């Protein structure tokens, strides 16, 4: 049971609408993303259950480096624009004269 009240309708409408970006990578990019994700999980999980030791700054820095590398690989994947969005953009440009 949550102690927070559910968001009101005004909260949903006042938030800016985010547009999701889909990307499609090749086999090498997929393997790189998978390996980097496993490395982050392993590093975090292996440090989670250390008894008597606190998480060190170097551990956090290593996770950040791996996450930046993963983001770089992800951003290198080509963007996939859904057909519906392409059609809407074309209609706006050619039929309605929007720039």
PDB file of N, CA and C in Angstrom:
ATOM      1  N   UNK A   1       0.847  -1.176   0.000  1.00  0.00           N
ATOM      2  CA  UNK A   1       0.000   0.000   0.000  1.00  0.00           C
ATOM      3  C   UNK A   1       0.888   1.234   0.000  1.00  0.00           C
ATOM      4  N   UNK A   2       0.617   2.161  -0.863  1.00  0.00           N
ATOM      5  CA  UNK A   2       1.426   3.367  -1.005  1.00  0.00           C
ATOM      6  C   UNK A   2       0.897   4.465  -0.097  1.00  0.00           C
ATOM      7  N   UNK A   3       1.809   5.228   0.483  1.00  0.00           N
ATOM      8  CA  UNK A   3       1.395   6.330   1.339  1.00  0.00           C
ATOM      9  C   UNK A   3       1.207   7.617   0.542  1.00  0.00           C
ATOM     10  N   UNK A   4       1.576   7.597  -0.712  1.00  0.00           N
ATOM     11  CA  UNK A   4       1.424   8.777  -1.552  1.00  0.00           C
ATOM     12  C   UNK A   4       0.085   8.757  -2.258  1.00  0.00           C
ATOM     13  N   UNK A   5      -0.573   9.904  -2.360  1.00  0.00           N
ATOM     14  CA  UNK A   5      -1.846   9.938  -3.077  1.00  0.00           C
ATOM     15  C   UNK A   5      -1.605   9.800  -4.577  1.00  0.00           C
ATOM     16  N   UNK A   6      -2.584   9.270  -5.305  1.00  0.00           N
ATOM     17  CA  UNK A   6      -2.422   9.158  -6.758  1.00  0.00           C
ATOM     18  C   UNK A   6      -2.375  10.546  -7.387  1.00  0.00           C
ATOM     19  N   UNK A   7      -1.681  10.698  -8.510  1.00  0.00           N
ATOM     20  CA  UNK A   7      -1.596  12.018  -9.149  1.00  0.00           C
ATOM     21  C   UNK A   7      -2.968  12.474  -9.624  1.00  0.00           C
ATOM     22  N   UNK A   8      -3.199  13.756  -9.507  1.00  0.00           N
ATOM     23  CA  UNK A   8      -4.476  14.299  -9.976  1.00  0.00           C
ATOM     24  C   UNK A   8      -4.407  14.518 -11.480  1.00  0.00           C
ATOM     25  N   UNK A   9      -5.547  14.760 -12.080  1.00  0.00           N
ATOM     26  CA  UNK A   9      -5.596  14.993 -13.526  1.00  0.00           C
ATOM     27  C   UNK A   9      -4.764  16.197 -13.935  1.00  0.00           C
ATOM     28  N   UNK A  10      -4.751  17.226 -13.113  1.00  0.00           N
ATOM     29  CA  UNK A  10      -3.994  18.432 -13.465  1.00  0.00           C
ATOM     30  C   UNK A  10      -2.501  18.144 -13.505  1.00  0.00           C
ATOM     31  N   UNK A  11      -2.017  17.190 -12.668  1.00  0.00           N
ATOM     32  CA  UNK A  11      -0.606  16.829 -12.688  1.00  0.00           C
ATOM     33  C   UNK A  11      -0.239  16.176 -14.013  1.00  0.00           C
ATOM     34  N   UNK A  12      -1.135  15.352 -14.540  1.00  0.00           N
ATOM     35  CA  UNK A  12      -0.858  14.650 -15.793  1.00  0.00           C
ATOM     36  C   UNK A  12      -0.845  15.601 -16.978  1.00  0.00           C
ATOM     37  N   UNK A  13      -1.737  16.575 -16.985  1.00  0.00           N
ATOM     38  CA  UNK A  13      -1.833  17.468 -18.132  1.00  0.00           C
ATOM     39  C   UNK A  13      -0.795  18.574 -18.093  1.00  0.00           C
ATOM     40  N   UNK A  14      -0.279  18.895 -16.919  1.00  0.00           N
ATOM     41  CA  UNK A  14       0.680  19.990 -16.831  1.00  0.00           C
ATOM     42  C   UNK A  14       2.102  19.540 -17.147  1.00  0.00           C
ATOM     43  N   UNK A  15       2.367  18.239 -17.099  1.00  0.00           N
ATOM     44  CA  UNK A  15       3.709  17.741 -17.385  1.00  0.00           C
ATOM     45  C   UNK A  15       3.967  17.811 -18.887  1.00  0.00           C
ATOM     46  N   UNK A  16       5.196  18.178 -19.287  1.00  0.00           N
ATOM     47  CA  UNK A  16       5.494  18.222 -20.721  1.00  0.00           C
ATOM     48  C   UNK A  16       5.470  16.811 -21.304  1.00  0.00           C
ATOM     49  N   UNK A  17       4.974  16.701 -22.518  1.00  0.00           N
ATOM     50  CA  UNK A  17       4.885  15.402 -23.180  1.00  0.00           C
ATOM     51  C   UNK A  17       6.263  15.034 -23.730  1.00  0.00           C
ATOM     52  N   UNK A  18       6.759  13.884 -23.304  1.00  0.00           N
ATOM     53  CA  UNK A  18       8.049  13.411 -23.772  1.00  0.00           C
ATOM     54  C   UNK A  18       7.845  12.513 -24.981  1.00  0.00           C
ATOM     55  N   UNK A  19       8.726  12.669 -25.952  1.00  0.00           N
ATOM     56  CA  UNK A  19       8.647  11.831 -27.137  1.00  0.00           C
ATOM     57  C   UNK A  19       9.699  10.737 -27.017  1.00  0.00           C
ATOM     58  N   UNK A  20       9.266   9.494 -27.049  1.00  0.00           N
ATOM     59  CA  UNK A  20      10.189   8.379 -26.941  1.00  0.00           C
ATOM     60  C   UNK A  20      10.997   8.247 -28.220  1.00  0.00           C
ATOM     61  N   UNK A  21      12.250   7.890 -28.061  1.00  0.00           N
ATOM     62  CA  UNK A  21      13.132   7.682 -29.197  1.00  0.00           C
ATOM     63  C   UNK A  21      13.475   6.205 -29.250  1.00  0.00           C
ATOM     64  N   UNK A  22      13.178   5.587 -30.359  1.00  0.00           N
ATOM     65  CA  UNK A  22      13.529   4.183 -30.566  1.00  0.00           C
ATOM     66  C   UNK A  22      14.785   4.126 -31.421  1.00  0.00           C
ATOM     67  N   UNK A  23      15.626   3.189 -31.093  1.00  0.00           N
ATOM     68  CA  UNK A  23      16.857   2.999 -31.865  1.00  0.00           C
ATOM     69  C   UNK A  23      17.001   1.523 -32.175  1.00  0.00           C
ATOM     70  N   UNK A  24      17.628   1.232 -33.302  1.00  0.00           N
ATOM     71  CA  UNK A  24      17.854  -0.155 -33.689  1.00  0.00           C
ATOM     72  C   UNK A  24      19.332  -0.320 -34.002  1.00  0.00           C
ATOM     73  N   UNK A  25      19.983  -1.107 -33.186  1.00  0.00           N
ATOM     74  CA  UNK A  25      21.410  -1.337 -33.382  1.00  0.00           C
ATOM     75  C   UNK A  25      21.677  -2.638 -34.104  1.00  0.00           C
ATOM     76  N   UNK A  26      22.914  -2.785 -34.514  1.00  0.00           N
ATOM     77  CA  UNK A  26      23.296  -4.031 -35.167  1.00  0.00           C
ATOM     78  C   UNK A  26      23.696  -5.061 -34.099  1.00  0.00           C
ATOM     79  N   UNK A  27      24.147  -6.213 -34.541  1.00  0.00           N
ATOM     80  CA  UNK A  27      24.488  -7.295 -33.622  1.00  0.00           C
ATOM     81  C   UNK A  27      25.623  -6.893 -32.675  1.00  0.00           C
ATOM     82  N   UNK A  28      26.642  -6.230 -33.189  1.00  0.00           N
ATOM     83  CA  UNK A  28      27.766  -5.825 -32.338  1.00  0.00           C
ATOM     84  C   UNK A  28      27.336  -4.824 -31.271  1.00  0.00           C
ATOM     85  N   UNK A  29      26.514  -3.869 -31.646  1.00  0.00           N
ATOM     86  CA  UNK A  29      26.024  -2.891 -30.676  1.00  0.00           C
ATOM     87  C   UNK A  29      25.159  -3.573 -29.624  1.00  0.00           C
ATOM     88  N   UNK A  30      24.344  -4.528 -30.026  1.00  0.00           N
ATOM     89  CA  UNK A  30      23.522  -5.272 -29.080  1.00  0.00           C
ATOM     90  C   UNK A  30      24.360  -6.049 -28.088  1.00  0.00           C
ATOM     91  N   UNK A  31      25.398  -6.691 -28.582  1.00  0.00           N
ATOM     92  CA  UNK A  31      26.285  -7.443 -27.688  1.00  0.00           C
ATOM     93  C   UNK A  31      27.038  -6.505 -26.742  1.00  0.00           C
ATOM     94  N   UNK A  32      27.459  -5.363 -27.256  1.00  0.00           N
ATOM     95  CA  UNK A  32      28.155  -4.397 -26.405  1.00  0.00           C
ATOM     96  C   UNK A  32      27.236  -3.882 -25.301  1.00  0.00           C
ATOM     97  N   UNK A  33      26.006  -3.549 -25.665  1.00  0.00           N
ATOM     98  CA  UNK A  33      25.046  -3.070 -24.660  1.00  0.00           C
ATOM     99  C   UNK A  33      24.763  -4.145 -23.619  1.00  0.00           C
ATOM    100  N   UNK A  34      24.639  -5.374 -24.068  1.00  0.00           N
ATOM    101  CA  UNK A  34      24.378  -6.478 -23.141  1.00  0.00           C
ATOM    102  C   UNK A  34      25.554  -6.676 -22.184  1.00  0.00           C
ATOM    103  N   UNK A  35      26.770  -6.674 -22.729  1.00  0.00           N
ATOM    104  CA  UNK A  35      27.960  -6.870 -21.896  1.00  0.00           C
ATOM    105  C   UNK A  35      28.126  -5.722 -20.893  1.00  0.00           C
ATOM    106  N   UNK A  36      27.922  -4.498 -21.352  1.00  0.00           N
ATOM    107  CA  UNK A  36      28.039  -3.359 -20.442  1.00  0.00           C
ATOM    108  C   UNK A  36      26.972  -3.407 -19.355  1.00  0.00           C
ATOM    109  N   UNK A  37      25.759  -3.795 -19.720  1.00  0.00           N
ATOM    110  CA  UNK A  37      24.693  -3.922 -18.733  1.00  0.00           C
ATOM    111  C   UNK A  37      25.009  -4.981 -17.690  1.00  0.00           C
ATOM    112  N   UNK A  38      25.533  -6.124 -18.130  1.00  0.00           N
ATOM    113  CA  UNK A  38      25.914  -7.174 -17.194  1.00  0.00           C
ATOM    114  C   UNK A  38      27.059  -6.721 -16.293  1.00  0.00           C
ATOM    115  N   UNK A  39      27.995  -5.969 -16.849  1.00  0.00           N
ATOM    116  CA  UNK A  39      29.113  -5.477 -16.050  1.00  0.00           C
ATOM    117  C   UNK A  39      28.626  -4.532 -14.953  1.00  0.00           C
ATOM    118  N   UNK A  40      27.702  -3.651 -15.286  1.00  0.00           N
ATOM    119  CA  UNK A  40      27.145  -2.730 -14.281  1.00  0.00           C
ATOM    120  C   UNK A  40      26.417  -3.533 -13.206  1.00  0.00           C
ATOM    121  N   UNK A  41      25.576  -4.477 -13.622  1.00  0.00           N
ATOM    122  CA  UNK A  41      24.836  -5.301 -12.658  1.00  0.00           C
ATOM    123  C   UNK A  41      25.790  -6.058 -11.745  1.00  0.00           C
ATOM    124  N   UNK A  42      26.820  -6.658 -12.319  1.00  0.00           N
ATOM    125  CA  UNK A  42      27.776  -7.422 -11.523  1.00  0.00           C
ATOM    126  C   UNK A  42      28.475  -6.534 -10.514  1.00  0.00           C
ATOM    127  N   UNK A  43      28.921  -5.377 -10.952  1.00  0.00           N
ATOM    128  CA  UNK A  43      29.635  -4.471 -10.059  1.00  0.00           C
ATOM    129  C   UNK A  43      28.742  -4.014  -8.914  1.00  0.00           C
ATOM    130  N   UNK A  44      27.526  -3.634  -9.234  1.00  0.00           N
ATOM    131  CA  UNK A  44      26.589  -3.172  -8.199  1.00  0.00           C
ATOM    132  C   UNK A  44      26.225  -4.314  -7.259  1.00  0.00           C
ATOM    133  N   UNK A  45      25.883  -5.482  -7.823  1.00  0.00           N
ATOM    134  CA  UNK A  45      25.487  -6.623  -6.989  1.00  0.00           C
ATOM    135  C   UNK A  45      26.627  -7.126  -6.117  1.00  0.00           C
ATOM    136  N   UNK A  46      27.841  -7.134  -6.629  1.00  0.00           N
ATOM    137  CA  UNK A  46      28.969  -7.646  -5.857  1.00  0.00           C
ATOM    138  C   UNK A  46      29.315  -6.727  -4.689  1.00  0.00           C
ATOM    139  N   UNK A  47      29.009  -5.459  -4.804  1.00  0.00           N
ATOM    140  CA  UNK A  47      29.297  -4.512  -3.726  1.00  0.00           C
ATOM    141  C   UNK A  47      28.148  -4.392  -2.732  1.00  0.00           C
ATOM    142  N   UNK A  48      26.963  -4.843  -3.134  1.00  0.00           N
ATOM    143  CA  UNK A  48      25.776  -4.669  -2.302  1.00  0.00           C
ATOM    144  C   UNK A  48      25.863  -5.464  -1.001  1.00  0.00           C
ATOM    145  N   UNK A  49      26.458  -6.643  -1.030  1.00  0.00           N
ATOM    146  CA  UNK A  49      26.431  -7.533   0.119  1.00  0.00           C
ATOM    147  C   UNK A  49      27.763  -7.611   0.859  1.00  0.00           C
ATOM    148  N   UNK A  50      28.653  -6.659   0.634  1.00  0.00           N
ATOM    149  CA  UNK A  50      29.911  -6.642   1.372  1.00  0.00           C
ATOM    150  C   UNK A  50      29.631  -6.292   2.829  1.00  0.00           C
ATOM    151  N   UNK A  51      30.114  -7.105   3.718  1.00  0.00           N
ATOM    152  CA  UNK A  51      29.895  -6.867   5.140  1.00  0.00           C
ATOM    153  C   UNK A  51      31.049  -6.042   5.701  1.00  0.00           C
ATOM    154  N   UNK A  52      30.709  -4.984   6.379  1.00  0.00           N
ATOM    155  CA  UNK A  52      31.730  -4.182   7.049  1.00  0.00           C
ATOM    156  C   UNK A  52      32.469  -3.222   6.141  1.00  0.00           C
ATOM    157  N   UNK A  53      32.215  -3.275   4.867  1.00  0.00           N
ATOM    158  CA  UNK A  53      32.872  -2.352   3.943  1.00  0.00           C
ATOM    159  C   UNK A  53      31.828  -1.428   3.353  1.00  0.00           C
ATOM    160  N   UNK A  54      32.192  -0.179   3.266  1.00  0.00           N
ATOM    161  CA  UNK A  54      31.286   0.767   2.627  1.00  0.00           C
ATOM    162  C   UNK A  54      31.631   0.857   1.147  1.00  0.00           C
ATOM    163  N   UNK A  55      30.676   1.252   0.397  1.00  0.00           N
ATOM    164  CA  UNK A  55      30.897   1.434  -1.032  1.00  0.00           C
ATOM    165  C   UNK A  55      31.923   2.550  -1.224  1.00  0.00           C
ATOM    166  N   UNK A  56      32.890   2.282  -2.029  1.00  0.00           N
ATOM    167  CA  UNK A  56      33.938   3.275  -2.249  1.00  0.00           C
ATOM    168  C   UNK A  56      33.612   4.155  -3.444  1.00  0.00           C
ATOM    169  N   UNK A  57      34.248   5.297  -3.459  1.00  0.00           N
ATOM    170  CA  UNK A  57      34.046   6.249  -4.552  1.00  0.00           C
ATOM    171  C   UNK A  57      34.476   5.634  -5.887  1.00  0.00           C
ATOM    172  N   UNK A  58      35.498   4.801  -5.866  1.00  0.00           N
ATOM    173  CA  UNK A  58      35.987   4.165  -7.090  1.00  0.00           C
ATOM    174  C   UNK A  58      34.916   3.246  -7.688  1.00  0.00           C
ATOM    175  N   UNK A  59      34.146   2.581  -6.825  1.00  0.00           N
ATOM    176  CA  UNK A  59      33.065   1.716  -7.320  1.00  0.00           C
ATOM    177  C   UNK A  59      32.017   2.537  -8.054  1.00  0.00           C
ATOM    178  N   UNK A  60      31.621   3.640  -7.452  1.00  0.00           N
ATOM    179  CA  UNK A  60      30.621   4.504  -8.074  1.00  0.00           C
ATOM    180  C   UNK A  60      31.146   5.072  -9.391  1.00  0.00           C
ATOM    181  N   UNK A  61      32.416   5.432  -9.406  1.00  0.00           N
ATOM    182  CA  UNK A  61      33.011   5.976 -10.627  1.00  0.00           C
ATOM    183  C   UNK A  61      33.056   4.911 -11.730  1.00  0.00           C
ATOM    184  N   UNK A  62      33.351   3.666 -11.357  1.00  0.00           N
ATOM    185  CA  UNK A  62      33.388   2.578 -12.342  1.00  0.00           C
ATOM    186  C   UNK A  62      31.999   2.355 -12.943  1.00  0.00           C
ATOM    187  N   UNK A  63      30.968   2.401 -12.108  1.00  0.00           N
ATOM    188  CA  UNK A  63      29.598   2.240 -12.607  1.00  0.00           C
ATOM    189  C   UNK A  63      29.263   3.379 -13.566  1.00  0.00           C
ATOM    190  N   UNK A  64      29.644   4.603 -13.205  1.00  0.00           N
ATOM    191  CA  UNK A  64      29.364   5.746 -14.075  1.00  0.00           C
ATOM    192  C   UNK A  64      30.084   5.620 -15.418  1.00  0.00           C
ATOM    193  N   UNK A  65      31.324   5.144 -15.407  1.00  0.00           N
ATOM    194  CA  UNK A  65      32.083   4.955 -16.649  1.00  0.00           C
ATOM    195  C   UNK A  65      31.388   3.925 -17.543  1.00  0.00           C
ATOM    196  N   UNK A  66      30.974   2.811 -16.944  1.00  0.00           N
ATOM    197  CA  UNK A  66      30.280   1.776 -17.718  1.00  0.00           C
ATOM    198  C   UNK A  66      28.956   2.292 -18.272  1.00  0.00           C
ATOM    199  N   UNK A  67      28.230   3.061 -17.480  1.00  0.00           N
ATOM    200  CA  UNK A  67      26.950   3.600 -17.939  1.00  0.00           C
ATOM    201  C   UNK A  67      27.147   4.621 -19.060  1.00  0.00           C
ATOM    202  N   UNK A  68      28.205   5.445 -18.972  1.00  0.00           N
ATOM    203  CA  UNK A  68      28.490   6.387 -20.063  1.00  0.00           C
ATOM    204  C   UNK A  68      28.857   5.638 -21.338  1.00  0.00           C
ATOM    205  N   UNK A  69      29.627   4.568 -21.197  1.00  0.00           N
ATOM    206  CA  UNK A  69      29.996   3.768 -22.370  1.00  0.00           C
ATOM    207  C   UNK A  69      28.747   3.154 -22.997  1.00  0.00           C
ATOM    208  N   UNK A  70      27.844   2.668 -22.173  1.00  0.00           N
ATOM    209  CA  UNK A  70      26.593   2.101 -22.673  1.00  0.00           C
ATOM    210  C   UNK A  70      25.770   3.159 -23.399  1.00  0.00           C
ATOM    211  N   UNK A  71      25.713   4.352 -22.837  1.00  0.00           N
ATOM    212  CA  UNK A  71      24.957   5.448 -23.463  1.00  0.00           C
ATOM    213  C   UNK A  71      25.563   5.824 -24.813  1.00  0.00           C
ATOM    214  N   UNK A  72      26.887   5.819 -24.890  1.00  0.00           N
ATOM    215  CA  UNK A  72      27.582   6.137 -26.138  1.00  0.00           C
ATOM    216  C   UNK A  72      27.249   5.112 -27.215  1.00  0.00           C
ATOM    217  N   UNK A  73      27.250   3.829 -26.839  1.00  0.00           N
ATOM    218  CA  UNK A  73      26.901   2.778 -27.802  1.00  0.00           C
ATOM    219  C   UNK A  73      25.450   2.954 -28.244  1.00  0.00           C
ATOM    220  N   UNK A  74      24.553   3.201 -27.287  1.00  0.00           N
ATOM    221  CA  UNK A  74      23.127   3.367 -27.596  1.00  0.00           C
ATOM    222  C   UNK A  74      22.905   4.544 -28.538  1.00  0.00           C
ATOM    223  N   UNK A  75      23.571   5.652 -28.286  1.00  0.00           N
ATOM    224  CA  UNK A  75      23.398   6.832 -29.135  1.00  0.00           C
ATOM    225  C   UNK A  75      23.988   6.630 -30.520  1.00  0.00           C
ATOM    226  N   UNK A  76      24.861   5.655 -30.677  1.00  0.00           N
ATOM    227  CA  UNK A  76      25.423   5.331 -31.981  1.00  0.00           C
ATOM    228  C   UNK A  76      24.489   4.503 -32.842  1.00  0.00           C
ATOM    229  N   UNK A  77      23.432   3.977 -32.245  1.00  0.00           N
ATOM    230  CA  UNK A  77      22.442   3.199 -32.997  1.00  0.00           C
ATOM    231  C   UNK A  77      21.533   4.145 -33.768  1.00  0.00           C
ATOM    232  N   UNK A  78      21.157   3.790 -34.998  1.00  0.00           N
ATOM    233  CA  UNK A  78      20.287   4.668 -35.783  1.00  0.00           C
ATOM    234  C   UNK A  78      18.891   4.790 -35.167  1.00  0.00           C
ATOM    235  N   UNK A  79      18.343   5.992 -35.259  1.00  0.00           N
ATOM    236  CA  UNK A  79      17.012   6.272 -34.739  1.00  0.00           C
ATOM    237  C   UNK A  79      15.966   5.679 -35.680  1.00  0.00           C
ATOM    238  N   UNK A  80      14.957   5.057 -35.112  1.00  0.00           N
ATOM    239  CA  UNK A  80      13.843   4.501 -35.877  1.00  0.00           C
ATOM    240  C   UNK A  80      12.652   5.428 -35.679  1.00  0.00           C
ATOM    241  N   UNK A  81      12.194   6.038 -36.774  1.00  0.00           N
ATOM    242  CA  UNK A  81      11.039   6.940 -36.718  1.00  0.00           C
ATOM    243  C   UNK A  81       9.813   6.158 -37.172  1.00  0.00           C
ATOM    244  N   UNK A  82       8.805   6.039 -36.295  1.00  0.00           N
ATOM    245  CA  UNK A  82       7.613   5.286 -36.672  1.00  0.00           C
ATOM    246  C   UNK A  82       6.930   5.882 -37.901  1.00  0.00           C
ATOM    247  N   UNK A  83       6.269   5.022 -38.671  1.00  0.00           N
ATOM    248  CA  UNK A  83       5.599   5.438 -39.899  1.00  0.00           C
ATOM    249  C   UNK A  83       4.582   6.534 -39.611  1.00  0.00           C
ATOM    250  N   UNK A  84       3.834   6.384 -38.547  1.00  0.00           N
ATOM    251  CA  UNK A  84       2.816   7.376 -38.205  1.00  0.00           C
ATOM    252  C   UNK A  84       3.417   8.770 -38.024  1.00  0.00           C
ATOM    253  N   UNK A  85       4.564   8.840 -37.351  1.00  0.00           N
ATOM    254  CA  UNK A  85       5.224  10.129 -37.133  1.00  0.00           C
ATOM    255  C   UNK A  85       5.754  10.695 -38.446  1.00  0.00           C
ATOM    256  N   UNK A  86       6.290   9.808 -39.320  1.00  0.00           N
ATOM    257  CA  UNK A  86       6.786  10.278 -40.614  1.00  0.00           C
ATOM    258  C   UNK A  86       5.657  10.821 -41.468  1.00  0.00           C
ATOM    259  N   UNK A  87       4.521  10.126 -41.463  1.00  0.00           N
ATOM    260  CA  UNK A  87       3.363  10.599 -42.230  1.00  0.00           C
ATOM    261  C   UNK A  87       2.847  11.929 -41.696  1.00  0.00           C
ATOM    262  N   UNK A  88       2.788  12.065 -40.384  1.00  0.00           N
ATOM    263  CA  UNK A  88       2.318  13.317 -39.795  1.00  0.00           C
ATOM    264  C   UNK A  88       3.254  14.459 -40.159  1.00  0.00           C
ATOM    265  N   UNK A  89       4.557  14.208 -40.091  1.00  0.00           N
ATOM    266  CA  UNK A  89       5.533  15.239 -40.449  1.00  0.00           C
ATOM    267  C   UNK A  89       5.400  15.635 -41.913  1.00  0.00           C
ATOM    268  N   UNK A  90       5.224  14.619 -42.786  1.00  0.00           N
ATOM    269  CA  UNK A  90       5.066  14.905 -44.217  1.00  0.00           C
ATOM    270  C   UNK A  90       3.809  15.729 -44.456  1.00  0.00           C
ATOM    271  N   UNK A  91       2.709  15.360 -43.817  1.00  0.00           N
ATOM    272  CA  UNK A  91       1.450  16.082 -43.994  1.00  0.00           C
ATOM    273  C   UNK A  91       1.580  17.524 -43.503  1.00  0.00           C
ATOM    274  N   UNK A  92       2.230  17.724 -42.395  1.00  0.00           N
ATOM    275  CA  UNK A  92       2.408  19.076 -41.876  1.00  0.00           C
ATOM    276  C   UNK A  92       3.224  19.934 -42.826  1.00  0.00           C
ATOM    277  N   UNK A  93       4.262  19.331 -43.412  1.00  0.00           N
ATOM    278  CA  UNK A  93       5.141  20.091 -44.303  1.00  0.00           C
ATOM    279  C   UNK A  93       4.504  20.347 -45.669  1.00  0.00           C
ATOM    280  N   UNK A  94       3.852  19.355 -46.236  1.00  0.00           N
ATOM    281  CA  UNK A  94       3.355  19.466 -47.612  1.00  0.00           C
ATOM    282  C   UNK A  94       1.899  19.904 -47.718  1.00  0.00           C
ATOM    283  N   UNK A  95       1.071  19.513 -46.819  1.00  0.00           N
ATOM    284  CA  UNK A  95      -0.342  19.832 -46.927  1.00  0.00           C
ATOM    285  C   UNK A  95      -0.733  21.089 -46.164  1.00  0.00           C
ATOM    286  N   UNK A  96      -0.098  21.296 -45.033  1.00  0.00           N
ATOM    287  CA  UNK A  96      -0.486  22.429 -44.179  1.00  0.00           C
ATOM    288  C   UNK A  96       0.522  23.564 -44.221  1.00  0.00           C
ATOM    289  N   UNK A  97       1.639  23.363 -44.897  1.00  0.00           N
ATOM    290  CA  UNK A  97       2.630  24.431 -45.039  1.00  0.00           C
ATOM    291  C   UNK A  97       3.403  24.741 -43.765  1.00  0.00           C
ATOM    292  N   UNK A  98       3.378  23.844 -42.807  1.00  0.00           N
ATOM    293  CA  UNK A  98       4.142  24.067 -41.570  1.00  0.00           C
ATOM    294  C   UNK A  98       5.619  23.793 -41.857  1.00  0.00           C
ATOM    295  N   UNK A  99       6.455  24.547 -41.170  1.00  0.00           N
ATOM    296  CA  UNK A  99       7.904  24.363 -41.387  1.00  0.00           C
ATOM    297  C   UNK A  99       8.499  23.524 -40.326  1.00  0.00           C
TER     298      UNK A  99
END
